[in-house]
Amino acid sequence: MSWNEPGGDKKDPWSGRGDQNGPPDLDEAIRSIQEKLTNLFAGTGGGGSSSEPPSSGKPMKSLSIIGAGVAFVLWGASGFYIVDEGNHGVETRFGQYIGITQSGLHWHIPAPFERVDLVNVKQQRFIEVGYRSGGSEQFKGSVPKEALMLTKDENYVDVRLAVQYQVKDAKQFLFNIVNPAATLKQVTESAQRGVIGGSTMDFVLTEGRSEIVTQIKKEIQDVMDSYQSGIQVTSVNLQDAQPPEQVQNAFADAIKAREDEQRLINEAEAYSNDVVPKARGAAARKLQEAEGYKEQIIAQAEGDTVRFTKLYAEYRKAPEITRKRMYIESIETVLSETSKVMVDVKGGNNMMYLPLDKLLEYKPAVANTNVGAVNANEGLNHVTIPQVASGEEHNIERASSRSRDSRGR
């Protein structure tokens, strides 16, 4: 006889439902849990399906109050939050701004009444304009749509910027602009194109980089402040500025030519700095020598003038004596430089010996002995001639000054 036919043992050979020692039915267990939950919160029996009598209502109400209290405490505890160092907490109530909290432990009315948004005001954020440093291979490198722009002299340049910024006002950063990063990028592109469009290509690619970066940063900050964005631009870095790839070779040749020009200019300036000071020094030396010669001639002329004036005063006192003295001094000066020897034949004798060859050979020695010195007071001149061989001296008496004066006349 089958198990499900009338008169069978009602035993299910698969589930073992008729076996008292088997596991309980799953549907039955679920119904039991639902009845208990209904009794707990409703304080009644399980909808007439249970054969147990209804329990008392007071214990059920106490359990409901306790559960509600626990739920309320948990809900209130969820209002505690911690603001880390470098962050600001922006509290809003039903979407309206209430205030800003600093770092530390704080509490607010939990959701759905109030909400807290944490903003990191110390984090250095950055955007890239004209290039991408990360991401997929498709977006790495230059972005021509953002990088290519015209200069003042109508040339294309490829400019890439990196802008670093941080939040200076959390309230403005959250409420005044929907997407601060996108807005900052658009403002950067606008300022960049305006500054590059007002500069020449050579200025952008060579000496004007620092000035361009400073001007772009100032314009970006001015625009973002006018939007009350709560953003502070900390730095603008010019990553690269170069001509388009199609003309880079020609531009490299132009740069090389410019560098050669500057090198030649520097070499010329170095040569000029070396030669000009020497020429100026030589000119100054010549001027000093000329000044010295001038002073010498003037002093000599003044001395001659003074000497002549004094000599003229003496000449007026004794014209004859002064005239003879001047004549004798002049003759002495002339004869001291000549090799001629004057002998007074009348005052000499036949045995006089003059070694003329020795006198001519030792002319400097004779000159140093003041040959032809005149003794004006005695009126006679004596010439002392040294004799080398014997060491004897010969005194030659010249004519008296009176007879010489008469011959000169």
Protein backbone atom coordinates (compact mmCIF):
# COMPACT_ATOMS: atom_id res chain seq x y z
CA MET A 1 0.00 0.00 0.00
CA SER A 2 1.35 3.49 -0.93
CA TRP A 3 2.21 5.95 1.80
CA ASN A 4 -0.28 8.56 0.59
CA GLU A 5 -3.21 6.23 0.00
CA PRO A 6 -6.07 5.83 2.57
CA GLY A 7 -5.08 3.51 5.29
CA GLY A 8 -1.35 4.17 4.74
CA ASP A 9 1.12 5.10 7.45
CA LYS A 10 1.31 8.73 6.16
CA LYS A 11 5.07 8.61 6.20
CA ASP A 12 6.93 10.64 3.57
CA PRO A 13 9.90 8.55 2.51
CA TRP A 14 11.79 11.71 1.30
CA SER A 15 11.23 14.40 3.92
CA GLY A 16 10.57 12.23 6.95
CA ARG A 17 7.69 14.49 7.97
CA GLY A 18 5.91 11.73 9.79
CA ASP A 19 9.00 10.86 11.77
CA GLN A 20 8.75 12.41 15.18
CA ASN A 21 12.52 12.32 15.58
CA GLY A 22 13.22 14.25 12.30
CA PRO A 23 13.94 17.99 11.83
CA PRO A 24 11.03 20.52 11.90
CA ASP A 25 9.42 21.78 8.77
CA LEU A 26 10.89 25.12 7.41
CA ASP A 27 7.54 26.70 6.68
CA GLU A 28 6.41 25.87 10.14
CA ALA A 29 9.44 27.50 11.71
CA ILE A 30 8.87 30.71 9.72
CA ARG A 31 5.24 30.88 10.78
CA SER A 32 6.29 30.43 14.41
CA ILE A 33 8.73 33.38 14.23
CA GLN A 34 6.09 35.59 12.63
CA GLU A 35 3.60 34.78 15.39
CA LYS A 36 6.14 35.63 18.09
CA LEU A 37 6.95 38.97 16.51
CA THR A 38 3.28 39.78 16.21
CA ASN A 39 2.68 38.92 19.84
CA LEU A 40 5.66 41.04 20.89
CA PHE A 41 4.58 44.26 19.18
CA ALA A 42 0.79 43.80 19.11
CA GLY A 43 0.33 42.21 22.56
CA THR A 44 -2.12 39.57 21.17
CA GLY A 45 -2.01 36.04 19.99
CA GLY A 46 -0.87 34.97 16.61
CA GLY A 47 -4.02 35.84 14.65
CA GLY A 48 -6.16 32.88 15.87
CA SER A 49 -3.77 30.26 14.45
CA SER A 50 -2.19 29.52 17.80
CA SER A 51 -4.00 27.47 20.39
CA GLU A 52 -2.31 29.36 23.25
CA PRO A 53 -4.44 31.85 25.18
CA PRO A 54 -3.68 35.58 24.73
CA SER A 55 -0.97 37.00 27.02
CA SER A 56 -1.31 40.04 29.23
CA GLY A 57 -0.96 43.53 27.54
CA LYS A 58 1.17 45.27 30.19
CA PRO A 59 4.39 43.26 29.73
CA MET A 60 4.09 43.73 25.96
CA LYS A 61 3.80 47.52 26.34
CA SER A 62 6.85 47.60 28.62
CA LEU A 63 8.90 45.74 26.05
CA SER A 64 7.72 48.14 23.35
CA ILE A 65 8.74 51.19 25.40
CA ILE A 66 12.14 49.68 26.15
CA GLY A 67 12.71 48.89 22.50
CA ALA A 68 11.68 52.38 21.48
CA GLY A 69 14.04 53.87 24.08
CA VAL A 70 16.96 51.77 22.89
CA ALA A 71 16.23 52.76 19.32
CA PHE A 72 16.08 56.43 20.30
CA VAL A 73 19.39 56.20 22.15
CA LEU A 74 21.04 54.55 19.18
CA TRP A 75 19.58 57.18 16.88
CA GLY A 76 20.87 59.99 19.12
CA ALA A 77 24.31 58.37 19.42
CA SER A 78 24.57 58.36 15.64
CA GLY A 79 24.78 62.16 15.82
CA PHE A 80 28.31 62.07 17.24
CA TYR A 81 31.08 62.62 14.70
CA ILE A 82 34.82 63.36 14.73
CA VAL A 83 36.52 66.01 12.61
CA ASP A 84 40.14 65.11 11.89
CA GLU A 85 43.00 67.59 11.93
CA GLY A 86 43.09 69.63 8.72
CA ASN A 87 39.37 69.14 8.05
CA HIS A 88 36.33 71.35 8.58
CA GLY A 89 32.82 70.06 9.25
CA VAL A 90 29.98 71.91 7.51
CA GLU A 91 26.65 71.38 9.30
CA THR A 92 23.34 71.77 7.47
CA ARG A 93 19.76 71.43 8.73
CA PHE A 94 17.30 70.38 6.08
CA GLY A 95 19.92 71.57 3.53
CA GLN A 96 20.40 75.02 5.09
CA TYR A 97 23.86 76.04 6.30
CA ILE A 98 24.24 76.21 10.13
CA GLY A 99 27.95 76.48 10.89
CA ILE A 100 31.46 75.09 10.59
CA THR A 101 33.11 72.87 13.19
CA GLN A 102 36.84 72.50 13.72
CA SER A 103 38.81 69.35 14.51
CA GLY A 104 37.58 67.28 17.47
CA LEU A 105 34.45 65.41 18.70
CA HIS A 106 31.09 67.04 17.93
CA TRP A 107 27.37 66.17 17.94
CA HIS A 108 24.53 67.14 15.69
CA ILE A 109 20.92 66.14 15.33
CA PRO A 110 21.04 62.88 13.42
CA ALA A 111 19.53 62.31 10.02
CA PRO A 112 17.19 63.12 8.50
CA PHE A 113 17.23 66.47 10.30
CA GLU A 114 20.87 67.52 10.09
CA ARG A 115 23.86 66.54 8.01
CA VAL A 116 27.63 67.09 8.27
CA ASP A 117 29.98 67.28 5.27
CA LEU A 118 33.70 67.01 5.98
CA VAL A 119 36.00 69.14 3.80
CA ASN A 120 39.80 68.79 3.83
CA VAL A 121 41.18 72.33 3.83
CA LYS A 122 44.86 71.31 4.00
CA GLN A 123 44.91 68.93 1.06
CA GLN A 124 46.83 70.07 -2.00
CA ARG A 125 44.60 69.42 -5.00
CA PHE A 126 45.64 69.91 -8.60
CA ILE A 127 44.26 69.99 -12.11
CA GLU A 128 46.02 69.39 -15.43
CA VAL A 129 45.37 71.58 -18.43
CA GLY A 130 46.71 70.56 -21.83
CA TYR A 131 47.99 67.14 -20.82
CA ARG A 132 47.22 64.07 -18.71
CA SER A 133 49.81 62.40 -16.53
CA GLY A 134 47.75 59.29 -15.65
CA GLY A 135 44.77 57.24 -16.68
CA SER A 136 44.48 55.06 -19.71
CA GLU A 137 46.95 55.12 -22.57
CA GLN A 138 44.39 56.88 -24.73
CA PHE A 139 44.45 60.06 -22.63
CA LYS A 140 48.16 60.18 -21.69
CA GLY A 141 50.37 62.97 -23.02
CA SER A 142 49.22 66.13 -24.74
CA VAL A 143 45.58 67.07 -25.21
CA PRO A 144 45.59 69.25 -28.35
CA LYS A 145 42.13 70.67 -27.68
CA GLU A 146 43.40 72.23 -24.46
CA ALA A 147 47.11 72.72 -25.24
CA LEU A 148 47.19 74.35 -28.68
CA MET A 149 46.65 78.12 -28.79
CA LEU A 150 47.59 81.18 -30.82
CA THR A 151 50.15 83.78 -29.79
CA LYS A 152 50.19 87.50 -30.47
CA ASP A 153 52.26 87.04 -33.64
CA GLU A 154 49.81 84.36 -34.91
CA ASN A 155 51.91 81.28 -34.17
CA TYR A 156 50.76 78.02 -32.64
CA VAL A 157 52.24 76.89 -29.31
CA ASP A 158 51.64 73.81 -27.21
CA VAL A 159 51.30 74.92 -23.57
CA ARG A 160 50.72 72.56 -20.62
CA LEU A 161 49.87 73.80 -17.13
CA ALA A 162 49.49 72.20 -13.72
CA VAL A 163 47.50 74.20 -11.16
CA GLN A 164 47.68 73.39 -7.46
CA TYR A 165 45.00 74.70 -5.11
CA GLN A 166 43.43 74.13 -1.71
CA VAL A 167 40.16 75.02 0.02
CA LYS A 168 40.25 78.25 2.00
CA ASP A 169 36.52 78.46 2.81
CA ALA A 170 34.58 75.20 3.21
CA LYS A 171 31.16 76.88 3.11
CA GLN A 172 31.84 78.64 -0.20
CA PHE A 173 33.47 75.53 -1.62
CA LEU A 174 30.34 73.41 -0.96
CA PHE A 175 27.50 75.83 -1.67
CA ASN A 176 28.59 78.48 -4.18
CA ILE A 177 29.85 76.31 -7.06
CA VAL A 178 28.39 72.99 -8.21
CA ASN A 179 31.69 71.54 -9.49
CA PRO A 180 34.69 73.56 -8.23
CA ALA A 181 37.33 71.48 -10.05
CA ALA A 182 35.61 71.79 -13.44
CA THR A 183 35.04 75.51 -12.90
CA LEU A 184 38.69 76.03 -11.97
CA LYS A 185 39.81 74.18 -15.08
CA GLN A 186 37.63 76.33 -17.36
CA VAL A 187 38.86 79.51 -15.69
CA THR A 188 42.47 78.33 -16.10
CA GLU A 189 42.00 77.67 -19.81
CA SER A 190 40.44 81.09 -20.29
CA ALA A 191 43.19 82.92 -18.39
CA GLN A 192 45.89 80.89 -20.12
CA ARG A 193 44.61 81.67 -23.60
CA GLY A 194 44.26 85.33 -22.76
CA VAL A 195 47.84 85.67 -21.49
CA ILE A 196 49.38 83.57 -24.29
CA GLY A 197 47.37 85.48 -26.89
CA GLY A 198 48.86 88.73 -25.64
CA SER A 199 52.48 87.51 -25.89
CA THR A 200 54.79 86.66 -28.77
CA MET A 201 55.98 83.13 -29.47
CA ASP A 202 59.63 83.89 -28.61
CA PHE A 203 58.58 85.45 -25.33
CA VAL A 204 56.48 82.42 -24.39
CA LEU A 205 59.15 79.87 -25.26
CA THR A 206 62.22 81.67 -23.87
CA GLU A 207 62.55 84.37 -21.25
CA GLY A 208 58.86 85.07 -20.53
CA ARG A 209 57.90 81.84 -18.76
CA SER A 210 58.05 83.10 -15.20
CA GLU A 211 56.18 86.29 -16.05
CA ILE A 212 53.47 84.36 -17.91
CA VAL A 213 52.98 81.94 -14.99
CA THR A 214 52.67 84.83 -12.53
CA GLN A 215 50.10 86.61 -14.68
CA ILE A 216 48.02 83.46 -15.24
CA LYS A 217 47.95 82.72 -11.50
CA LYS A 218 46.79 86.25 -10.71
CA GLU A 219 43.97 86.15 -13.25
CA ILE A 220 42.79 82.73 -12.07
CA GLN A 221 42.66 83.86 -8.44
CA ASP A 222 40.81 87.07 -9.33
CA VAL A 223 38.11 85.19 -11.23
CA MET A 224 37.69 82.49 -8.56
CA ASP A 225 37.43 85.16 -5.86
CA SER A 226 34.74 86.92 -7.86
CA TYR A 227 32.83 83.62 -7.93
CA GLN A 228 33.31 83.26 -4.14
CA SER A 229 34.49 79.71 -4.78
CA GLY A 230 36.43 79.29 -1.53
CA ILE A 231 39.50 78.15 -3.54
CA GLN A 232 43.04 79.40 -3.01
CA VAL A 233 45.44 78.86 -5.93
CA THR A 234 48.82 77.99 -4.42
CA SER A 235 50.93 77.53 -7.56
CA VAL A 236 50.79 77.42 -11.34
CA ASN A 237 53.51 75.35 -13.01
CA LEU A 238 54.31 75.61 -16.70
CA GLN A 239 55.07 71.98 -17.47
CA ASP A 240 56.00 72.53 -21.08
CA ALA A 241 55.80 75.16 -23.81
CA GLN A 242 56.89 74.24 -27.30
CA PRO A 243 55.85 74.65 -30.91
CA PRO A 244 53.69 72.00 -32.54
CA GLU A 245 55.36 68.76 -33.58
CA GLN A 246 55.15 69.65 -37.28
CA VAL A 247 57.52 72.64 -36.92
CA GLN A 248 59.70 71.55 -34.01
CA ASN A 249 62.76 70.81 -36.18
CA ALA A 250 62.69 74.23 -37.81
CA PHE A 251 62.15 75.88 -34.49
CA ALA A 252 65.10 73.93 -32.99
CA ASP A 253 67.31 75.35 -35.77
CA ALA A 254 66.07 78.84 -34.98
CA ILE A 255 66.84 78.35 -31.30
CA LYS A 256 70.34 77.10 -32.15
CA ALA A 257 70.96 80.15 -34.34
CA ARG A 258 69.78 82.41 -31.54
CA GLU A 259 72.11 80.67 -29.11
CA ASP A 260 75.03 81.09 -31.52
CA GLU A 261 74.18 84.75 -31.82
CA GLN A 262 74.17 85.17 -28.07
CA ARG A 263 77.46 83.27 -27.78
CA LEU A 264 79.15 85.52 -30.32
CA ILE A 265 77.80 88.58 -28.54
CA ASN A 266 79.20 87.32 -25.25
CA GLU A 267 82.59 86.65 -26.83
CA ALA A 268 82.66 90.14 -28.34
CA GLU A 269 81.74 91.67 -25.00
CA ALA A 270 84.48 89.66 -23.29
CA TYR A 271 87.04 90.86 -25.85
CA SER A 272 85.81 94.42 -25.44
CA ASN A 273 86.09 94.14 -21.66
CA ASP A 274 89.67 92.94 -22.08
CA VAL A 275 90.87 95.50 -24.66
CA VAL A 276 89.07 98.66 -23.62
CA PRO A 277 90.51 98.82 -20.07
CA LYS A 278 94.03 98.32 -21.45
CA ALA A 279 93.52 101.08 -23.99
CA ARG A 280 92.12 103.37 -21.31
CA GLY A 281 95.07 102.60 -19.06
CA ALA A 282 97.55 103.36 -21.86
CA ALA A 283 95.72 106.60 -22.66
CA ALA A 284 95.74 107.59 -19.00
CA ARG A 285 99.47 106.81 -18.81
CA LYS A 286 100.14 108.98 -21.87
CA LEU A 287 98.11 111.78 -20.37
CA GLN A 288 100.03 111.52 -17.11
CA GLU A 289 103.34 111.55 -18.96
CA ALA A 290 102.24 114.57 -20.95
CA GLU A 291 101.14 116.32 -17.78
CA GLY A 292 104.48 115.48 -16.17
CA TYR A 293 106.42 116.76 -19.19
CA LYS A 294 104.31 119.89 -19.22
CA GLU A 295 104.99 120.51 -15.55
CA GLN A 296 108.70 119.86 -16.11
CA ILE A 297 108.98 122.29 -19.01
CA ILE A 298 106.99 124.94 -17.17
CA ALA A 299 109.10 124.55 -14.05
CA GLN A 300 112.29 124.63 -16.11
CA ALA A 301 111.16 127.72 -17.98
CA GLU A 302 110.19 129.41 -14.74
CA GLY A 303 113.56 128.47 -13.26
CA ASP A 304 115.40 129.88 -16.30
CA THR A 305 113.33 132.99 -16.05
CA VAL A 306 114.15 133.45 -12.39
CA ARG A 307 117.83 132.70 -13.07
CA PHE A 308 117.95 135.17 -15.94
CA THR A 309 116.22 137.79 -13.83
CA LYS A 310 118.75 137.37 -11.04
CA LEU A 311 121.63 137.28 -13.55
CA TYR A 312 120.36 140.43 -15.16
CA ALA A 313 120.31 142.16 -11.78
CA GLU A 314 123.98 141.21 -11.27
CA TYR A 315 124.80 142.21 -14.82
CA ARG A 316 123.49 145.70 -14.21
CA LYS A 317 125.77 146.02 -11.23
CA ALA A 318 128.98 144.90 -13.08
CA PRO A 319 128.35 144.47 -16.82
CA GLU A 320 131.98 143.78 -17.82
CA ILE A 321 132.69 141.12 -15.23
CA THR A 322 129.38 139.43 -15.73
CA ARG A 323 129.86 139.37 -19.49
CA LYS A 324 133.28 137.74 -19.15
CA ARG A 325 131.99 135.16 -16.67
CA MET A 326 129.15 134.21 -18.94
CA TYR A 327 131.52 133.85 -21.87
CA ILE A 328 133.93 131.71 -19.92
CA GLU A 329 131.16 129.42 -18.59
CA SER A 330 129.82 129.00 -22.12
CA ILE A 331 133.25 128.12 -23.51
CA GLU A 332 133.80 125.70 -20.63
CA THR A 333 130.55 123.96 -21.37
CA VAL A 334 131.35 123.67 -25.09
CA LEU A 335 134.98 122.56 -24.69
CA SER A 336 134.13 119.94 -22.08
CA GLU A 337 132.43 117.87 -24.79
CA THR A 338 135.23 118.11 -27.41
CA SER A 339 138.52 116.25 -27.90
CA LYS A 340 140.55 119.36 -28.86
CA VAL A 341 143.32 120.62 -26.60
CA MET A 342 144.37 124.28 -26.64
CA VAL A 343 148.00 125.03 -25.74
CA ASP A 344 149.51 128.38 -25.07
CA VAL A 345 152.63 128.19 -27.21
CA LYS A 346 154.07 131.39 -25.95
CA GLY A 347 153.97 130.30 -22.35
CA GLY A 348 155.37 126.81 -23.11
CA ASN A 349 158.86 125.47 -23.97
CA ASN A 350 160.39 123.12 -26.52
CA MET A 351 160.51 120.15 -24.12
CA MET A 352 156.80 119.93 -23.54
CA TYR A 353 155.40 116.44 -24.16
CA LEU A 354 151.78 115.79 -24.72
CA PRO A 355 150.56 112.16 -25.09
CA LEU A 356 147.68 113.03 -27.38
CA ASP A 357 146.73 109.41 -28.08
CA LYS A 358 146.37 108.77 -24.34
CA LEU A 359 144.43 111.99 -23.88
CA LEU A 360 141.99 110.96 -26.62
CA GLU A 361 141.66 107.45 -25.18
CA TYR A 362 140.92 108.70 -21.65
CA LYS A 363 138.62 111.50 -22.60
CA PRO A 364 135.93 110.62 -19.96
CA ALA A 365 138.55 110.74 -17.26
CA VAL A 366 139.77 114.05 -18.58
CA ALA A 367 136.23 115.35 -18.76
CA ASN A 368 135.54 114.32 -15.18
CA THR A 369 138.54 116.37 -14.03
CA ASN A 370 136.82 119.48 -15.39
CA VAL A 371 139.18 120.19 -18.26
CA GLY A 372 139.38 123.86 -18.97
CA ALA A 373 138.21 124.97 -15.51
CA VAL A 374 138.55 128.68 -15.25
CA ASN A 375 139.65 130.57 -12.23
CA ALA A 376 137.96 133.84 -12.87
CA ASN A 377 139.45 135.58 -9.88
CA GLU A 378 143.08 134.89 -10.88
CA GLY A 379 142.43 135.45 -14.56
CA LEU A 380 144.38 132.25 -15.57
CA ASN A 381 143.19 128.81 -16.66
CA HIS A 382 145.10 125.63 -15.77
CA VAL A 383 144.41 122.27 -17.41
CA THR A 384 145.59 119.20 -15.54
CA ILE A 385 146.41 116.34 -17.90
CA PRO A 386 147.14 112.96 -16.31
CA GLN A 387 149.94 110.93 -17.85
CA VAL A 388 149.04 107.24 -17.74
CA ALA A 389 152.51 105.84 -18.26
CA SER A 390 154.49 107.69 -15.62
CA GLY A 391 151.63 109.09 -13.46
CA GLU A 392 153.16 112.57 -13.68
CA GLU A 393 150.99 115.60 -14.20
CA HIS A 394 151.60 118.33 -16.74
CA ASN A 395 150.32 121.73 -16.00
CA ILE A 396 149.55 123.78 -19.00
CA GLU A 397 149.22 127.39 -18.41
CA ARG A 398 146.85 129.04 -20.72
CA ALA A 399 146.78 132.62 -21.72
CA SER A 400 145.43 135.11 -19.32
CA SER A 401 141.84 135.96 -19.53
CA ARG A 402 142.71 139.42 -20.66
CA SER A 403 144.74 138.29 -23.67
CA ARG A 404 142.07 135.65 -24.52
CA ASP A 405 139.41 138.26 -24.40
CA SER A 406 141.41 140.40 -26.76
CA ARG A 407 141.85 137.50 -29.25
CA GLY A 408 138.16 136.69 -29.03
CA ARG A 409 137.37 140.21 -30.08
